[in-house]
C-alpha atoms as a PDB file:
ATOM      1  CA  MET A   1     128.232  76.967  95.294  1.00  0.00           C
ATOM      2  CA  ILE A   2     124.577  76.955  95.930  1.00  0.00           C
ATOM      3  CA  ILE A   3     122.444  79.726  94.842  1.00  0.00           C
ATOM      4  CA  SER A   4     119.267  80.751  95.917  1.00  0.00           C
ATOM      5  CA  VAL A   5     116.818  82.857  93.683  1.00  0.00           C
ATOM      6  CA  VAL A   6     113.961  85.003  95.472  1.00  0.00           C
ATOM      7  CA  VAL A   7     111.029  85.614  93.336  1.00  0.00           C
ATOM      8  CA  PRO A   8     108.197  87.952  95.290  1.00  0.00           C
ATOM      9  CA  VAL A   9     104.596  87.399  93.291  1.00  0.00           C
ATOM     10  CA  TYR A  10     102.027  89.865  93.398  1.00  0.00           C
ATOM     11  CA  SER A  11      99.535  88.795  90.725  1.00  0.00           C
ATOM     12  CA  GLY A  12     101.952  87.135  88.449  1.00  0.00           C
ATOM     13  CA  ALA A  13      99.817  84.125  87.923  1.00  0.00           C
ATOM     14  CA  ASP A  14     100.397  84.085  83.977  1.00  0.00           C
ATOM     15  CA  HIS A  15     104.205  83.833  84.302  1.00  0.00           C
ATOM     16  CA  LEU A  16     105.128  81.828  86.989  1.00  0.00           C
ATOM     17  CA  VAL A  17     105.093  78.290  84.788  1.00  0.00           C
ATOM     18  CA  ALA A  18     106.766  80.100  82.415  1.00  0.00           C
ATOM     19  CA  LEU A  19     109.416  81.258  84.857  1.00  0.00           C
ATOM     20  CA  SER A  20     109.654  77.952  86.804  1.00  0.00           C
ATOM     21  CA  GLN A  21     110.562  76.189  83.711  1.00  0.00           C
ATOM     22  CA  ALA A  22     112.794  78.749  82.807  1.00  0.00           C
ATOM     23  CA  LEU A  23     114.642  78.241  86.161  1.00  0.00           C
ATOM     24  CA  ALA A  24     114.521  74.521  85.615  1.00  0.00           C
ATOM     25  CA  VAL A  25     116.485  74.615  82.226  1.00  0.00           C
ATOM     26  CA  GLU A  26     119.201  76.527  83.730  1.00  0.00           C
ATOM     27  CA  ARG A  27     119.141  74.266  87.037  1.00  0.00           C
ATOM     28  CA  ASP A  28     119.678  71.376  84.446  1.00  0.00           C
ATOM     29  CA  ARG A  29     122.058  73.043  82.153  1.00  0.00           C
ATOM     30  CA  TRP A  30     124.477  73.844  84.754  1.00  0.00           C
ATOM     31  CA  ASP A  31     124.269  70.129  86.315  1.00  0.00           C
ATOM     32  CA  SER A  32     124.797  68.851  82.859  1.00  0.00           C
ATOM     33  CA  GLU A  33     127.643  71.081  82.218  1.00  0.00           C
ATOM     34  CA  GLY A  34     129.455  70.370  85.685  1.00  0.00           C
ATOM     35  CA  ALA A  35     129.167  74.054  87.048  1.00  0.00           C
ATOM     36  CA  PRO A  36     130.963  75.367  89.935  1.00  0.00           C
ATOM     37  CA  PHE A  37     127.473  76.314  91.282  1.00  0.00           C
ATOM     38  CA  ALA A  38     123.801  74.739  91.625  1.00  0.00           C
ATOM     39  CA  LEU A  39     120.694  76.036  91.360  1.00  0.00           C
ATOM     40  CA  GLY A  40     119.495  74.799  95.315  1.00  0.00           C
ATOM     41  CA  GLU A  41     116.189  76.472  95.772  1.00  0.00           C
ATOM     42  CA  VAL A  42     113.721  78.927  94.418  1.00  0.00           C
ATOM     43  CA  ILE A  43     111.721  80.853  96.864  1.00  0.00           C
ATOM     44  CA  PHE A  44     108.607  82.407  95.491  1.00  0.00           C
ATOM     45  CA  VAL A  45     106.886  84.867  98.199  1.00  0.00           C
ATOM     46  CA  ASP A  46     103.040  85.231  97.489  1.00  0.00           C
ATOM     47  CA  ASP A  47     102.475  88.951  98.444  1.00  0.00           C
ATOM     48  CA  ALA A  48      99.107  88.348  98.640  1.00  0.00           C
ATOM     49  CA  SER A  49      97.949  88.321  95.459  1.00  0.00           C
ATOM     50  CA  ILE A  50      94.775  89.010  94.087  1.00  0.00           C
ATOM     51  CA  ASP A  51      94.660  86.285  91.112  1.00  0.00           C
ATOM     52  CA  SER A  52      95.124  82.397  90.755  1.00  0.00           C
ATOM     53  CA  SER A  53      99.104  83.147  91.812  1.00  0.00           C
ATOM     54  CA  SER A  54      98.666  81.178  95.271  1.00  0.00           C
ATOM     55  CA  GLU A  55      97.103  78.332  93.248  1.00  0.00           C
ATOM     56  CA  VAL A  56      99.675  78.213  90.524  1.00  0.00           C
ATOM     57  CA  LEU A  57     102.439  78.227  93.209  1.00  0.00           C
ATOM     58  CA  GLN A  58     101.097  75.267  95.006  1.00  0.00           C
ATOM     59  CA  GLU A  59     101.223  73.469  92.049  1.00  0.00           C
ATOM     60  CA  LEU A  60     104.631  74.416  91.337  1.00  0.00           C
ATOM     61  CA  ASP A  61     105.411  73.713  95.013  1.00  0.00           C
ATOM     62  CA  GLU A  62     104.497  70.084  94.218  1.00  0.00           C
ATOM     63  CA  ARG A  63     105.711  69.598  90.975  1.00  0.00           C
ATOM     64  CA  TYR A  64     109.552  70.920  92.076  1.00  0.00           C
ATOM     65  CA  ALA A  65     111.023  69.898  95.001  1.00  0.00           C
ATOM     66  CA  TRP A  66     113.329  72.797  94.713  1.00  0.00           C
ATOM     67  CA  VAL A  67     110.284  74.995  94.979  1.00  0.00           C
ATOM     68  CA  ARG A  68     109.182  76.868  98.407  1.00  0.00           C
ATOM     69  CA  VAL A  69     106.837  78.911  98.725  1.00  0.00           C
ATOM     70  CA  VAL A  70     105.995  82.056 101.247  1.00  0.00           C
ATOM     71  CA  THR A  71     102.830  83.352 101.768  1.00  0.00           C
ATOM     72  CA  LEU A  72     102.719  86.731 103.453  1.00  0.00           C
ATOM     73  CA  ALA A  73      99.416  87.776 105.558  1.00  0.00           C
ATOM     74  CA  ARG A  74      98.877  90.609 103.261  1.00  0.00           C
ATOM     75  CA  ASN A  75      99.851  92.891 100.697  1.00  0.00           C
ATOM     76  CA  PHE A  76     103.472  94.350 101.760  1.00  0.00           C
ATOM     77  CA  GLY A  77     104.895  95.547  98.307  1.00  0.00           C
ATOM     78  CA  GLN A  78     108.411  94.229  96.294  1.00  0.00           C
ATOM     79  CA  HIS A  79     110.630  95.043  99.160  1.00  0.00           C
ATOM     80  CA  PRO A  80     109.357  93.304 101.948  1.00  0.00           C
ATOM     81  CA  ALA A  81     108.097  90.596 100.265  1.00  0.00           C
ATOM     82  CA  THR A  82     112.026  89.877  98.920  1.00  0.00           C
ATOM     83  CA  ILE A  83     113.153  90.513 102.165  1.00  0.00           C
ATOM     84  CA  ALA A  84     110.699  87.917 103.683  1.00  0.00           C
ATOM     85  CA  GLY A  85     112.145  85.336 100.758  1.00  0.00           C
ATOM     86  CA  ILE A  86     116.010  86.457 101.561  1.00  0.00           C
ATOM     87  CA  LEU A  87     115.447  85.618 105.302  1.00  0.00           C
ATOM     88  CA  HIS A  88     114.024  81.684 104.069  1.00  0.00           C
ATOM     89  CA  THR A  89     117.067  81.163 101.781  1.00  0.00           C
ATOM     90  CA  SER A  90     120.334  79.170 102.517  1.00  0.00           C
ATOM     91  CA  GLY A  91     122.242  79.522  99.510  1.00  0.00           C
ATOM     92  CA  ASP A  92     125.758  80.748  99.067  1.00  0.00           C
ATOM     93  CA  TRP A  93     124.828  83.242  97.131  1.00  0.00           C
ATOM     94  CA  ILE A  94     120.732  84.682  96.329  1.00  0.00           C
ATOM     95  CA  VAL A  95     119.238  85.888  93.233  1.00  0.00           C
ATOM     96  CA  THR A  96     116.441  88.095  93.105  1.00  0.00           C
ATOM     97  CA  LEU A  97     114.011  88.611  90.134  1.00  0.00           C
ATOM     98  CA  ASP A  98     110.758  89.800  89.204  1.00  0.00           C
ATOM     99  CA  GLU A  99     108.077  87.522  88.275  1.00  0.00           C
ATOM    100  CA  ASP A 100     107.167  88.828  84.946  1.00  0.00           C
ATOM    101  CA  LEU A 101     109.851  87.102  82.719  1.00  0.00           C
ATOM    102  CA  GLN A 102     111.321  90.822  82.054  1.00  0.00           C
ATOM    103  CA  HIS A 103     114.362  88.923  83.983  1.00  0.00           C
ATOM    104  CA  ASP A 104     116.124  86.104  82.116  1.00  0.00           C
ATOM    105  CA  PRO A 105     117.076  83.238  84.400  1.00  0.00           C
ATOM    106  CA  ALA A 106     120.045  82.565  81.926  1.00  0.00           C
ATOM    107  CA  GLN A 107     121.573  85.621  82.579  1.00  0.00           C
ATOM    108  CA  ILE A 108     122.133  84.895  85.884  1.00  0.00           C
ATOM    109  CA  GLU A 109     125.442  83.016  84.901  1.00  0.00           C
ATOM    110  CA  THR A 110     126.799  86.542  83.579  1.00  0.00           C
ATOM    111  CA  LEU A 111     126.081  87.936  87.183  1.00  0.00           C
ATOM    112  CA  LEU A 112     128.331  85.038  88.696  1.00  0.00           C
ATOM    113  CA  GLU A 113     130.660  85.454  86.566  1.00  0.00           C
ATOM    114  CA  ILE A 114     131.035  89.778  87.041  1.00  0.00           C
ATOM    115  CA  ALA A 115     131.244  88.596  90.531  1.00  0.00           C
ATOM    116  CA  ALA A 116     133.877  86.014  90.356  1.00  0.00           C
ATOM    117  CA  GLU A 117     136.295  88.596  88.259  1.00  0.00           C
ATOM    118  CA  THR A 118     135.790  91.766  91.013  1.00  0.00           C
ATOM    119  CA  SER A 119     135.163  90.012  94.103  1.00  0.00           C
ATOM    120  CA  ALA A 120     131.835  92.062  94.329  1.00  0.00           C
ATOM    121  CA  ASP A 121     129.664  91.326  97.151  1.00  0.00           C
ATOM    122  CA  ILE A 122     126.816  92.408  95.161  1.00  0.00           C
ATOM    123  CA  VAL A 123     125.974  92.607  91.401  1.00  0.00           C
ATOM    124  CA  TYR A 124     122.914  94.711  89.780  1.00  0.00           C
ATOM    125  CA  ALA A 125     121.863  94.001  86.280  1.00  0.00           C
ATOM    126  CA  GLN A 126     121.260  97.402  84.395  1.00  0.00           C
ATOM    127  CA  PRO A 127     117.927  97.615  81.800  1.00  0.00           C
ATOM    128  CA  GLN A 128     118.690  97.966  78.456  1.00  0.00           C
ATOM    129  CA  GLY A 129     115.940 100.153  76.770  1.00  0.00           C
ATOM    130  CA  SER A 130     112.928 100.630  78.313  1.00  0.00           C
ATOM    131  CA  VAL A 131     112.050  98.196  81.342  1.00  0.00           C
ATOM    132  CA  HIS A 132     108.437  99.212  82.363  1.00  0.00           C
ATOM    133  CA  GLY A 133     107.356 101.404  79.859  1.00  0.00           C
ATOM    134  CA  GLY A 134     107.851 105.662  79.695  1.00  0.00           C
ATOM    135  CA  TYR A 135     105.849 106.787  82.657  1.00  0.00           C
ATOM    136  CA  ARG A 136     107.161 104.124  85.271  1.00  0.00           C
ATOM    137  CA  ASP A 137     110.848 104.199  83.977  1.00  0.00           C
ATOM    138  CA  VAL A 138     110.508 107.961  84.386  1.00  0.00           C
ATOM    139  CA  ALA A 139     108.944 107.659  87.787  1.00  0.00           C
ATOM    140  CA  SER A 140     111.490 105.273  88.998  1.00  0.00           C
ATOM    141  CA  ARG A 141     114.655 107.636  87.741  1.00  0.00           C
ATOM    142  CA  LEU A 142     112.945 110.567  89.411  1.00  0.00           C
ATOM    143  CA  TYR A 143     112.206 108.475  92.797  1.00  0.00           C
ATOM    144  CA  LYS A 144     116.291 107.202  92.837  1.00  0.00           C
ATOM    145  CA  ARG A 145     117.633 110.635  92.341  1.00  0.00           C
ATOM    146  CA  LEU A 146     115.684 111.746  95.404  1.00  0.00           C
ATOM    147  CA  ILE A 147     117.025 108.643  97.506  1.00  0.00           C
ATOM    148  CA  VAL A 148     120.563 109.759  95.935  1.00  0.00           C
ATOM    149  CA  ALA A 149     119.957 113.237  97.549  1.00  0.00           C
ATOM    150  CA  LEU A 150     118.513 112.094 100.769  1.00  0.00           C
ATOM    151  CA  THR A 151     121.373 109.369 101.259  1.00  0.00           C
ATOM    152  CA  ARG A 152     124.293 110.663  99.752  1.00  0.00           C
ATOM    153  CA  ASN A 153     124.809 107.248  98.400  1.00  0.00           C
ATOM    154  CA  ASP A 154     125.930 107.347  94.116  1.00  0.00           C
ATOM    155  CA  GLU A 155     125.215 103.633  94.094  1.00  0.00           C
ATOM    156  CA  VAL A 156     121.197 104.168  94.182  1.00  0.00           C
ATOM    157  CA  ALA A 157     121.461 104.717  90.600  1.00  0.00           C
ATOM    158  CA  SER A 158     122.352 101.052  90.095  1.00  0.00           C
ATOM    159  CA  PHE A 159     119.805  99.766  92.049  1.00  0.00           C
ATOM    160  CA  ASN A 160     117.861  97.027  90.305  1.00  0.00           C
ATOM    161  CA  SER A 161     115.370  94.027  91.822  1.00  0.00           C
ATOM    162  CA  PHE A 162     117.341  91.991  89.403  1.00  0.00           C
ATOM    163  CA  ARG A 163     120.795  91.539  91.600  1.00  0.00           C
ATOM    164  CA  LEU A 164     122.889  89.018  92.762  1.00  0.00           C
ATOM    165  CA  VAL A 165     123.978  89.238  96.500  1.00  0.00           C
ATOM    166  CA  ARG A 166     126.393  86.917  98.662  1.00  0.00           C
ATOM    167  CA  GLY A 167     124.256  85.089 100.866  1.00  0.00           C
ATOM    168  CA  PRO A 168     125.625  86.263 104.498  1.00  0.00           C
ATOM    169  CA  THR A 169     125.265  89.644 103.032  1.00  0.00           C
ATOM    170  CA  ALA A 170     122.050  89.479 101.966  1.00  0.00           C
ATOM    171  CA  ARG A 171     120.602  87.853 105.114  1.00  0.00           C
ATOM    172  CA  ALA A 172     122.635  90.194 107.556  1.00  0.00           C
ATOM    173  CA  ALA A 173     120.616  93.452 105.559  1.00  0.00           C
ATOM    174  CA  ALA A 174     117.322  91.102 105.347  1.00  0.00           C
ATOM    175  CA  SER A 175     117.742  90.543 109.361  1.00  0.00           C
ATOM    176  CA  VAL A 176     117.865  94.479 109.880  1.00  0.00           C
ATOM    177  CA  SER A 177     115.432  95.756 107.727  1.00  0.00           C
ATOM    178  CA  GLY A 178     111.571  96.579 108.438  1.00  0.00           C
ATOM    179  CA  HIS A 179     108.745  96.583 105.930  1.00  0.00           C
ATOM    180  CA  GLU A 180     109.455  99.897 104.950  1.00  0.00           C
ATOM    181  CA  THR A 181     112.811  99.747 104.129  1.00  0.00           C
ATOM    182  CA  TYR A 182     114.474 100.245 101.240  1.00  0.00           C
ATOM    183  CA  TYR A 183     116.492  97.073 100.987  1.00  0.00           C
ATOM    184  CA  ASP A 184     119.358  98.292  98.753  1.00  0.00           C
ATOM    185  CA  ILE A 185     120.169 101.072 101.339  1.00  0.00           C
ATOM    186  CA  ALA A 186     120.136  98.069 103.914  1.00  0.00           C
ATOM    187  CA  LEU A 187     122.494  95.947 101.844  1.00  0.00           C
ATOM    188  CA  GLY A 188     125.243  98.943 101.883  1.00  0.00           C
ATOM    189  CA  TRP A 189     125.301  98.898 105.955  1.00  0.00           C
ATOM    190  CA  PHE A 190     127.441  95.779 105.077  1.00  0.00           C
ATOM    191  CA  THR A 191     129.249  96.335 102.217  1.00  0.00           C
ATOM    192  CA  ASP A 192     130.399  98.623  99.379  1.00  0.00           C
ATOM    193  CA  ARG A 193     131.679  96.066  97.395  1.00  0.00           C
ATOM    194  CA  PHE A 194     128.640  96.780  94.324  1.00  0.00           C
ATOM    195  CA  GLN A 195     129.403  96.238  90.774  1.00  0.00           C
ATOM    196  CA  SER A 196     126.480  96.662  87.832  1.00  0.00           C
ATOM    197  CA  VAL A 197     126.490  94.619  84.266  1.00  0.00           C
ATOM    198  CA  GLU A 198     124.275  95.786  81.376  1.00  0.00           C
ATOM    199  CA  LEU A 199     122.042  93.405  80.143  1.00  0.00           C
ATOM    200  CA  GLN A 200     119.212  93.354  77.284  1.00  0.00           C
ATOM    201  CA  MET A 201     116.009  92.570  79.545  1.00  0.00           C
ATOM    202  CA  THR A 202     112.918  90.870  78.428  1.00  0.00           C
ATOM    203  CA  ASP A 203     110.162  93.363  76.793  1.00  0.00           C
ATOM    204  CA  SER A 204     107.173  92.343  79.164  1.00  0.00           C
ATOM    205  CA  ARG A 205     103.660  93.939  78.853  1.00  0.00           C
ATOM    206  CA  TYR A 206     103.003  92.913  82.560  1.00  0.00           C
ATOM    207  CA  ALA A 207     105.993  94.993  83.684  1.00  0.00           C
END
């Protein structure tokens, strides 16, 4: 079972090397332990970064055979960048996570376990404690409440950028999404088998 990881990148140069190393650790551990899944590829999507992310990504692409870089023509935002990355995947399952290390690659295995136990197509990580800081956390909650009211989709409260999605479902949703599409809403057009799990997120001053 092959796992693809998609990481949208916007000015994340300070974290990309450490994130790649953390993913490499998990990849090697799964291989050494004979896990029934393997990290096949990590796709970084350069969303027109304004720092040295592009240069760092080029170095990572040369260092790791399993790293691929997708470069967007301009800044589109997190959801379009994520969608672009997903369309380049080939894995049986896709994990999306942020660039800034607030999402721990070691927790990917937990998401896989939940999917196996529940036959879910999507598993969201639910952060414990403050993730982005007070203002952004409050703004995110209010925005989700608005989306719930507009869509009547109670799953919106569980949406998070740290997610595990069955590959065909992820790519199907991405294929019908435009650059203004809320990707998690599009996922709901293809499946209603959602699960979520509480995880402790890594504190990051860049989140």
